[in-house]
C-alpha atoms as a PDB file:
ATOM      1  CA  MET A   1      -1.625  -2.849 -12.089  1.00  0.00           C
ATOM      2  CA  LYS A   2      -4.544  -1.263 -13.862  1.00  0.00           C
ATOM      3  CA  ILE A   3      -6.092   2.119 -12.977  1.00  0.00           C
ATOM      4  CA  LEU A   4      -9.875   1.803 -13.120  1.00  0.00           C
ATOM      5  CA  LYS A   5     -10.771   5.399 -12.229  1.00  0.00           C
ATOM      6  CA  THR A   6      -9.534   8.459 -10.369  1.00  0.00           C
ATOM      7  CA  LYS A   7     -11.245  11.273  -8.480  1.00  0.00           C
ATOM      8  CA  SER A   8     -10.514  14.155  -6.136  1.00  0.00           C
ATOM      9  CA  VAL A   9     -12.101  14.448  -2.712  1.00  0.00           C
ATOM     10  CA  ALA A  10     -11.249  17.718  -1.000  1.00  0.00           C
ATOM     11  CA  SER A  11      -7.472  17.936  -1.521  1.00  0.00           C
ATOM     12  CA  VAL A  12      -6.941  14.166  -1.741  1.00  0.00           C
ATOM     13  CA  GLU A  13      -6.416  12.383  -5.054  1.00  0.00           C
ATOM     14  CA  LEU A  14      -7.949   8.890  -5.038  1.00  0.00           C
ATOM     15  CA  ALA A  15      -7.498   6.026  -7.494  1.00  0.00           C
ATOM     16  CA  GLU A  16      -9.421   2.808  -7.869  1.00  0.00           C
ATOM     17  CA  VAL A  17      -6.945   0.189  -9.071  1.00  0.00           C
ATOM     18  CA  GLU A  18      -6.770  -3.454  -9.970  1.00  0.00           C
ATOM     19  CA  ILE A  19      -3.559  -4.885  -8.506  1.00  0.00           C
ATOM     20  CA  SER A  20      -2.232  -8.377  -7.910  1.00  0.00           C
ATOM     21  CA  ILE A  21      -1.596  -9.639  -4.401  1.00  0.00           C
ATOM     22  CA  ASP A  22       2.044 -10.161  -5.397  1.00  0.00           C
ATOM     23  CA  GLU A  23       2.314  -6.485  -6.363  1.00  0.00           C
ATOM     24  CA  LEU A  24       0.851  -5.489  -2.982  1.00  0.00           C
ATOM     25  CA  GLN A  25       3.396  -7.674  -1.204  1.00  0.00           C
ATOM     26  CA  VAL A  26       6.285  -6.144  -3.164  1.00  0.00           C
ATOM     27  CA  PHE A  27       4.973  -2.647  -2.358  1.00  0.00           C
ATOM     28  CA  GLU A  28       4.738  -3.559   1.339  1.00  0.00           C
ATOM     29  CA  ALA A  29       8.277  -5.012   1.350  1.00  0.00           C
ATOM     30  CA  ALA A  30       9.707  -1.930  -0.365  1.00  0.00           C
ATOM     31  CA  LEU A  31       8.064   0.414   2.136  1.00  0.00           C
ATOM     32  CA  ASN A  32       9.218  -1.746   5.059  1.00  0.00           C
ATOM     33  CA  TYR A  33      12.764  -1.671   3.683  1.00  0.00           C
ATOM     34  CA  ALA A  34      12.600   2.115   3.399  1.00  0.00           C
ATOM     35  CA  THR A  35      11.454   2.574   7.008  1.00  0.00           C
ATOM     36  CA  LYS A  36      14.226   0.277   8.248  1.00  0.00           C
ATOM     37  CA  THR A  37      17.068   1.794   6.216  1.00  0.00           C
ATOM     38  CA  LEU A  38      16.228   5.503   5.917  1.00  0.00           C
ATOM     39  CA  ASP A  39      16.184   8.109   8.644  1.00  0.00           C
ATOM     40  CA  GLU A  40      13.167  10.378   9.235  1.00  0.00           C
ATOM     41  CA  LYS A  41      14.527  13.222   7.091  1.00  0.00           C
ATOM     42  CA  GLU A  42      15.284  10.903   4.150  1.00  0.00           C
ATOM     43  CA  ILE A  43      11.799   9.377   4.371  1.00  0.00           C
ATOM     44  CA  GLU A  44      10.192  12.819   4.269  1.00  0.00           C
ATOM     45  CA  ARG A  45      12.410  13.940   1.376  1.00  0.00           C
ATOM     46  CA  ILE A  46      11.812  10.823  -0.735  1.00  0.00           C
ATOM     47  CA  PHE A  47       8.170  10.053   0.087  1.00  0.00           C
ATOM     48  CA  GLY A  48       6.820  13.433   1.181  1.00  0.00           C
ATOM     49  CA  ALA A  49       5.449  11.747   4.305  1.00  0.00           C
ATOM     50  CA  SER A  50       6.555  11.217   7.880  1.00  0.00           C
ATOM     51  CA  GLU A  51       7.753   7.842   9.118  1.00  0.00           C
ATOM     52  CA  ASP A  52       4.484   7.467  11.062  1.00  0.00           C
ATOM     53  CA  GLU A  53       2.465   8.154   7.898  1.00  0.00           C
ATOM     54  CA  LEU A  54       4.516   5.616   5.968  1.00  0.00           C
ATOM     55  CA  GLU A  55       3.987   3.013   8.702  1.00  0.00           C
ATOM     56  CA  GLY A  56       0.232   3.667   8.478  1.00  0.00           C
ATOM     57  CA  ILE A  57       0.360   3.068   4.734  1.00  0.00           C
ATOM     58  CA  ILE A  58       2.267  -0.176   5.316  1.00  0.00           C
ATOM     59  CA  GLU A  59      -0.432  -1.354   7.728  1.00  0.00           C
ATOM     60  CA  ASP A  60      -3.160  -0.505   5.193  1.00  0.00           C
ATOM     61  CA  VAL A  61      -1.341  -2.427   2.451  1.00  0.00           C
ATOM     62  CA  LYS A  62      -0.804  -5.380   4.797  1.00  0.00           C
ATOM     63  CA  LYS A  63      -4.507  -5.462   5.761  1.00  0.00           C
ATOM     64  CA  THR A  64      -5.564  -5.231   2.116  1.00  0.00           C
ATOM     65  CA  SER A  65      -3.215  -8.043   1.133  1.00  0.00           C
ATOM     66  CA  THR A  66      -4.465 -10.249   3.976  1.00  0.00           C
ATOM     67  CA  ILE A  67      -8.121  -9.639   3.099  1.00  0.00           C
ATOM     68  CA  CYS A  68      -7.465 -10.444  -0.564  1.00  0.00           C
ATOM     69  CA  LYS A  69      -5.662 -13.687   0.324  1.00  0.00           C
ATOM     70  CA  GLU A  70      -8.523 -14.734   2.627  1.00  0.00           C
ATOM     71  CA  GLN A  71     -11.118 -14.006  -0.062  1.00  0.00           C
ATOM     72  CA  ASN A  72      -9.129 -16.001  -2.627  1.00  0.00           C
ATOM     73  CA  LEU A  73      -8.895 -18.919  -0.202  1.00  0.00           C
ATOM     74  CA  GLU A  74     -12.656 -18.764   0.456  1.00  0.00           C
ATOM     75  CA  HIS A  75     -13.349 -18.843  -3.287  1.00  0.00           C
ATOM     76  CA  ALA A  76     -10.954 -21.754  -3.765  1.00  0.00           C
ATOM     77  CA  LEU A  77     -12.694 -23.748  -1.017  1.00  0.00           C
ATOM     78  CA  ALA A  78     -16.235 -22.947  -2.240  1.00  0.00           C
END
């Protein structure tokens, strides 16, 4: 993973990163494992987010991974 740039918007810290699809999939799997094995209090203590917030992040990572795979396939077929 490579950090390209960072910035603050309101109270949110944002980062533009270059990351492999494999890294995204590992990140997604780790977060899924956490939501399946930890209770709500443990999730909040470890991640500083609610279970619902973590599930939203998982969905975002999954969508990003899917879009990247589709774009790679399109380039391979072009």
